[in-house]
Protein backbone atom coordinates (compact mmCIF):
# COMPACT_ATOMS: atom_id res chain seq x y z
CA UNK A 1 87.50 139.92 132.61
CA UNK A 2 87.23 137.62 129.62
CA UNK A 3 84.03 138.80 127.91
CA UNK A 4 82.10 137.16 125.01
CA UNK A 5 83.77 139.21 122.38
CA UNK A 6 85.48 137.09 119.79
CA UNK A 7 84.74 133.96 121.91
CA UNK A 8 80.86 133.61 122.10
CA UNK A 9 78.89 132.91 125.15
CA UNK A 10 80.74 131.21 127.99
CA UNK A 11 79.15 128.50 130.31
CA UNK A 12 80.45 126.67 133.38
CA UNK A 13 80.04 122.69 133.51
CA UNK A 14 80.16 121.05 136.71
CA UNK A 15 81.16 117.43 137.40
CA UNK A 16 80.05 116.64 141.02
CA UNK A 17 81.63 113.45 142.29
CA UNK A 18 81.47 111.92 145.76
CA UNK A 19 85.03 113.11 146.46
CA UNK A 20 85.57 116.14 144.41
CA UNK A 21 83.58 118.89 142.74
CA UNK A 22 85.10 120.18 139.43
CA UNK A 23 83.98 123.19 137.39
CA UNK A 24 85.14 124.35 134.05
CA UNK A 25 84.63 127.44 131.70
CA UNK A 26 83.73 126.09 128.38
CA UNK A 27 83.66 128.05 125.04
CA UNK A 28 81.18 127.25 122.28
CA UNK A 29 83.64 125.22 120.46
CA UNK A 30 83.94 122.91 123.41
CA UNK A 31 87.49 124.02 124.61
CA UNK A 32 88.02 124.50 128.39
CA UNK A 33 89.32 127.91 129.24
CA UNK A 34 89.83 127.48 132.98
CA UNK A 35 89.06 124.99 135.68
CA UNK A 36 88.66 124.69 139.46
CA UNK A 37 88.13 122.04 141.92
CA UNK A 38 87.22 121.46 145.59
CA UNK A 39 86.13 118.73 147.94
CA UNK A 40 82.64 117.72 147.76
CA UNK A 41 80.57 118.76 150.82
CA UNK A 42 78.40 116.10 152.24
CA UNK A 43 75.19 118.07 153.17
CA UNK A 44 72.89 119.64 150.60
CA UNK A 45 73.26 123.23 151.80
CA UNK A 46 76.90 123.06 151.82
CA UNK A 47 76.91 121.55 148.34
CA UNK A 48 75.00 124.44 147.02
CA UNK A 49 77.06 127.15 148.65
CA UNK A 50 80.13 125.32 147.09
CA UNK A 51 78.81 125.51 143.68
CA UNK A 52 77.82 129.21 144.19
CA UNK A 53 81.22 130.06 145.57
CA UNK A 54 82.92 128.29 142.62
CA UNK A 55 80.87 130.05 139.99
CA UNK A 56 81.46 133.33 141.81
CA UNK A 57 85.23 132.84 141.61
CA UNK A 58 85.06 132.05 137.89
CA UNK A 59 82.78 134.97 137.20
CA UNK A 60 85.55 137.30 138.55
CA UNK A 61 87.52 136.51 135.40
CA UNK A 62 84.76 135.39 132.79
CA UNK A 63 81.40 136.61 131.69
CA UNK A 64 79.25 133.45 132.28
CA UNK A 65 75.87 133.09 130.76
CA UNK A 66 74.68 129.78 132.21
CA UNK A 67 75.66 126.85 134.36
CA UNK A 68 75.44 123.06 133.79
CA UNK A 69 75.65 120.48 136.43
CA UNK A 70 76.37 116.88 135.71
CA UNK A 71 75.05 114.52 138.56
CA UNK A 72 75.52 110.80 139.09
CA UNK A 73 72.03 109.81 140.28
CA UNK A 74 68.44 109.57 139.18
CA UNK A 75 66.85 112.60 137.81
CA UNK A 76 63.20 113.20 136.53
CA UNK A 77 62.73 113.20 132.73
CA UNK A 78 62.62 117.00 132.76
CA UNK A 79 66.07 117.20 134.58
CA UNK A 80 64.49 119.52 137.29
CA UNK A 81 64.71 117.17 140.32
CA UNK A 82 67.23 114.88 141.69
CA UNK A 83 65.48 111.76 142.87
CA UNK A 84 68.59 110.10 144.41
CA UNK A 85 72.33 110.52 144.01
CA UNK A 86 74.01 107.69 146.10
CA UNK A 87 77.22 109.79 146.60
CA UNK A 88 75.61 113.20 147.15
CA UNK A 89 73.43 114.68 149.66
CA UNK A 90 70.79 115.49 147.03
CA UNK A 91 67.75 112.98 147.17
CA UNK A 92 64.09 112.61 147.94
CA UNK A 93 63.05 114.58 144.95
CA UNK A 94 65.16 117.69 145.89
CA UNK A 95 64.30 120.56 143.37
CA UNK A 96 68.13 121.13 142.59
CA UNK A 97 67.67 123.05 139.36
CA UNK A 98 65.39 125.63 140.93
CA UNK A 99 67.45 125.91 144.09
CA UNK A 100 70.69 126.51 142.05
CA UNK A 101 69.08 128.86 139.67
CA UNK A 102 67.86 131.03 142.53
CA UNK A 103 71.25 130.93 144.30
CA UNK A 104 73.19 131.71 141.31
CA UNK A 105 70.86 134.16 139.43
CA UNK A 106 71.72 132.23 136.39
CA UNK A 107 69.98 129.75 133.99
CA UNK A 108 70.92 126.14 135.24
CA UNK A 109 70.84 122.88 133.39
CA UNK A 110 70.95 119.43 135.32
CA UNK A 111 71.91 116.38 133.49
CA UNK A 112 72.71 112.89 134.30
CA UNK A 113 76.65 112.40 134.32
CA UNK A 114 76.67 109.77 131.45
CA UNK A 115 74.20 111.74 129.58
CA UNK A 116 76.29 114.92 129.90
CA UNK A 117 79.38 112.95 128.61
CA UNK A 118 77.58 111.40 125.82
CA UNK A 119 76.48 114.94 124.62
CA UNK A 120 79.89 116.11 125.01
CA UNK A 121 81.12 113.32 122.72
CA UNK A 122 78.24 113.80 120.28
CA UNK A 123 79.02 117.58 119.79
CA UNK A 124 82.83 117.54 120.03
CA UNK A 125 84.23 114.14 120.17
CA UNK A 126 84.08 110.61 118.93
CA UNK A 127 80.25 110.62 118.19
CA UNK A 128 80.11 113.72 115.86
CA UNK A 129 77.33 113.22 113.16
CA UNK A 130 76.25 109.87 114.67
CA UNK A 131 72.52 109.18 114.45
CA UNK A 132 71.68 105.99 116.46
CA UNK A 133 74.42 105.40 118.85
CA UNK A 134 75.35 104.45 122.45
CA UNK A 135 77.65 105.84 124.99
CA UNK A 136 78.95 102.88 127.27
CA UNK A 137 80.94 104.33 130.22
CA UNK A 138 83.07 101.67 132.03
CA UNK A 139 84.63 102.84 135.32
CA UNK A 140 83.80 101.88 138.87
CA UNK A 141 80.32 100.71 137.56
CA UNK A 142 78.68 101.10 133.98
CA UNK A 143 76.84 104.18 132.86
CA UNK A 144 75.15 104.54 129.54
CA UNK A 145 73.27 106.77 127.16
CA UNK A 146 71.23 106.19 123.94
CA UNK A 147 71.06 108.84 121.52
CA UNK A 148 68.84 108.95 118.35
CA UNK A 149 68.88 111.77 115.79
CA UNK A 150 70.43 114.25 118.32
CA UNK A 151 68.07 113.45 121.13
CA UNK A 152 68.94 111.73 124.46
CA UNK A 153 66.50 108.89 125.11
CA UNK A 154 65.39 109.14 128.72
CA UNK A 155 62.54 106.50 129.12
CA UNK A 156 59.22 107.16 130.79
CA UNK A 157 60.65 108.10 134.14
CA UNK A 158 64.14 109.39 133.31
CA UNK A 159 66.32 106.49 134.29
CA UNK A 160 66.95 104.68 130.86
CA UNK A 161 69.25 103.01 130.03
CA UNK A 162 70.59 101.03 133.05
CA UNK A 163 72.59 98.37 131.06
CA UNK A 164 74.98 97.80 134.04
CA UNK A 165 72.21 96.51 136.09
CA UNK A 166 71.00 93.98 133.67
CA UNK A 167 71.13 90.62 135.49
CA UNK A 168 73.60 88.40 133.39
CA UNK A 169 74.26 85.64 136.20
CA UNK A 170 71.07 84.96 138.09
CA UNK A 171 72.31 84.51 141.88
CA UNK A 172 75.79 85.88 140.87
CA UNK A 173 77.94 88.61 142.37
CA UNK A 174 76.19 90.85 144.71
CA UNK A 175 75.81 94.34 143.34
CA UNK A 176 75.63 97.61 145.20
CA UNK A 177 72.28 98.34 143.79
CA UNK A 178 70.97 95.50 145.88
CA UNK A 179 70.54 92.95 143.05
CA UNK A 180 72.76 89.95 142.24
CA UNK A 181 74.63 89.08 138.96
CA UNK A 182 74.62 92.60 137.33
CA UNK A 183 76.68 93.09 134.23
CA UNK A 184 78.65 95.65 136.00
CA UNK A 185 79.65 93.13 138.51
CA UNK A 186 81.52 91.21 135.64
CA UNK A 187 82.57 93.96 133.24
CA UNK A 188 83.65 97.10 135.21
CA UNK A 189 86.81 98.32 136.74
CA UNK A 190 85.86 96.82 140.10
CA UNK A 191 84.95 93.63 138.58
CA UNK A 192 88.66 93.03 137.65
CA UNK A 193 89.26 92.45 141.34
CA UNK A 194 86.38 90.05 141.63
CA UNK A 195 87.60 88.10 138.68
CA UNK A 196 91.22 87.90 139.95
CA UNK A 197 89.97 86.79 143.42
CA UNK A 198 87.88 84.07 142.01
CA UNK A 199 90.68 82.74 139.73
CA UNK A 200 93.15 82.86 142.66
CA UNK A 201 90.70 81.13 144.93
CA UNK A 202 90.65 78.27 142.62
CA UNK A 203 94.33 77.97 143.11
CA UNK A 204 95.30 79.63 139.78
CA UNK A 205 98.56 81.45 139.03
CA UNK A 206 100.17 81.07 142.48
CA UNK A 207 103.39 82.40 140.96
CA UNK A 208 101.87 85.64 139.88
CA UNK A 209 103.33 88.73 141.26
CA UNK A 210 99.71 89.82 141.98
CA UNK A 211 98.67 86.59 143.62
CA UNK A 212 99.38 87.59 147.36
CA UNK A 213 97.69 91.11 146.91
CA UNK A 214 94.74 89.53 145.21
CA UNK A 215 94.19 86.94 147.92
CA UNK A 216 94.66 89.23 150.78
CA UNK A 217 92.14 91.62 148.92
CA UNK A 218 94.72 94.54 148.75
CA UNK A 219 94.66 94.61 144.96
CA UNK A 220 92.58 97.32 143.11
CA UNK A 221 91.12 97.21 139.56
CA UNK A 222 93.90 99.65 138.54
CA UNK A 223 96.56 97.00 140.04
CA UNK A 224 95.07 94.22 138.04
CA UNK A 225 95.08 96.31 134.89
CA UNK A 226 98.63 97.30 135.45
CA UNK A 227 99.66 93.73 136.04
CA UNK A 228 97.92 92.77 132.88
CA UNK A 229 99.93 95.40 131.06
CA UNK A 230 103.15 94.03 132.40
CA UNK A 231 102.22 90.49 131.35
CA UNK A 232 101.29 89.11 134.77
CA UNK A 233 99.38 85.81 134.30
CA UNK A 234 96.78 86.49 136.87
CA UNK A 235 96.02 89.85 135.61
CA UNK A 236 95.81 88.67 132.03
CA UNK A 237 93.43 85.89 133.20
CA UNK A 238 91.10 88.45 134.89
CA UNK A 239 91.38 90.72 131.94
CA UNK A 240 90.25 87.99 129.66
CA UNK A 241 87.22 87.46 131.89
CA UNK A 242 86.37 91.17 131.86
CA UNK A 243 86.68 91.34 128.01
CA UNK A 244 84.50 88.29 127.43
CA UNK A 245 81.60 89.92 129.75
CA UNK A 246 82.17 93.31 128.26
CA UNK A 247 81.57 91.84 124.71
CA UNK A 248 78.49 90.05 125.85
CA UNK A 249 77.18 93.26 127.23
CA UNK A 250 77.86 95.18 124.09
CA UNK A 251 76.21 92.21 122.06
CA UNK A 252 72.94 92.83 124.37
CA UNK A 253 73.04 96.45 123.84
CA UNK A 254 73.28 95.74 120.13
CA UNK A 255 70.50 93.24 120.13
CA UNK A 256 68.16 95.62 121.88
CA UNK A 257 69.06 98.87 120.20
CA UNK A 258 70.77 98.11 116.86
CA UNK A 259 73.12 101.13 116.96
CA UNK A 260 75.64 102.07 114.29
CA UNK A 261 78.09 103.18 116.84
CA UNK A 262 79.10 102.42 120.50
CA UNK A 263 81.54 104.80 122.07
CA UNK A 264 83.39 103.34 125.07
CA UNK A 265 84.19 105.85 127.80
CA UNK A 266 84.97 105.85 131.40
CA UNK A 267 88.17 105.34 133.15
CA UNK A 268 88.65 101.83 132.04
CA UNK A 269 88.68 102.78 128.58
CA UNK A 270 92.09 104.42 128.86
CA UNK A 271 93.39 101.03 128.69
CA UNK A 272 91.45 99.94 125.79
CA UNK A 273 94.43 98.78 123.86
CA UNK A 274 94.68 95.84 126.25
CA UNK A 275 91.03 94.50 125.92
CA UNK A 276 89.02 96.29 123.10
CA UNK A 277 89.91 93.73 120.35
CA UNK A 278 88.83 90.76 122.59
CA UNK A 279 85.69 92.49 123.46
CA UNK A 280 84.75 93.14 119.94
CA UNK A 281 85.35 89.56 119.16
CA UNK A 282 83.08 88.59 122.07
CA UNK A 283 80.47 90.94 120.87
CA UNK A 284 80.54 89.67 117.31
CA UNK A 285 80.22 85.92 118.43
CA UNK A 286 77.45 86.57 120.93
CA UNK A 287 75.25 88.91 118.97
CA UNK A 288 71.89 87.69 117.46
CA UNK A 289 72.56 86.79 113.81
CA UNK A 290 76.25 86.64 114.22
CA UNK A 291 77.90 86.65 110.85
CA UNK A 292 74.84 87.68 109.03
CA UNK A 293 74.24 91.30 110.03
CA UNK A 294 76.22 94.39 110.27
CA UNK A 295 78.05 95.24 113.58
CA UNK A 296 78.25 98.53 115.18
CA UNK A 297 81.39 100.25 115.03
CA UNK A 298 83.12 100.45 118.61
CA UNK A 299 85.51 103.21 119.31
CA UNK A 300 86.88 104.99 122.36
CA UNK A 301 85.78 108.32 123.54
CA UNK A 302 87.93 111.30 122.84
CA UNK A 303 87.05 113.81 125.55
CA UNK A 304 88.27 111.87 128.46
CA UNK A 305 87.29 113.03 132.03
CA UNK A 306 86.27 116.34 130.78
CA UNK A 307 83.55 114.90 128.65
CA UNK A 308 80.78 115.45 131.28
CA UNK A 309 81.73 119.08 132.01
CA UNK A 310 81.92 119.94 128.28
CA UNK A 311 78.65 118.35 127.45
CA UNK A 312 76.61 119.81 130.34
CA UNK A 313 78.15 123.21 129.74
CA UNK A 314 76.99 122.87 126.14
CA UNK A 315 73.44 121.85 127.09
CA UNK A 316 73.39 124.96 129.58
CA UNK A 317 74.24 127.19 126.59
CA UNK A 318 71.05 126.22 124.93
CA UNK A 319 69.01 127.97 127.76
CA UNK A 320 70.22 131.33 126.79
């Protein structure tokens, strides 16, 4: 067994997605010592059993002090209860922290997945030493976190900030949240497909290699991004629209919060070399007082897909 001697207290961080549940043993310096993954069960009891089994397997080789669980969903401000997790069986104010703590016999920390990733970047990544800053995660949708002086801002009911669901086009594209015209329908990975479909539907770029897949609705956001990287005209046009909307979103964040730093995370950020400069230009031209005020620095996250597990494991370490 790997003990704490010479390493420090070890904790486990979980990233629970709708398809896979991943867990990592994390050292105090943020390094990952071991990782396991499995399919995510679709019932609450099964999910609890799976977490217990995964921790049990890791405890055979490591001396674990606490467990952190990052959840994509709505939590209460105290991070005790899962109010609703759209891709998981936890909902209806389920006391997940208490249930897991009882089942594991270890201290447990729950956290929203974007907040967990932001904490990881704050402690070990691109936001080290930042004071007032925003984590802006762009993937299938948009997740975000505001941190000020080392504290996560949650709002009165634990749901802040939902930048992805600010209406930017009244009556616009239908969003999975039930509203229309949300920012994430114009500036997320999935929005790339919508952009391409609209452009192709207007008769543009028929000679594009992506054209047929787009009009037949067989193209993914990854396909559009890959096409743009290869110079495909339709892919580049869709990416131009995405970049402009992302910049408008970052401008709104800056107008509301005036952060010194915005860290761009999420899966789409892996291709930031294709769009970040254009998004920054859009932000600088759409921000209030353009040309007469300091702009936030916009950088890419450093920890990648491991940020949430590293962050929530570090938060769990504070329970000791």
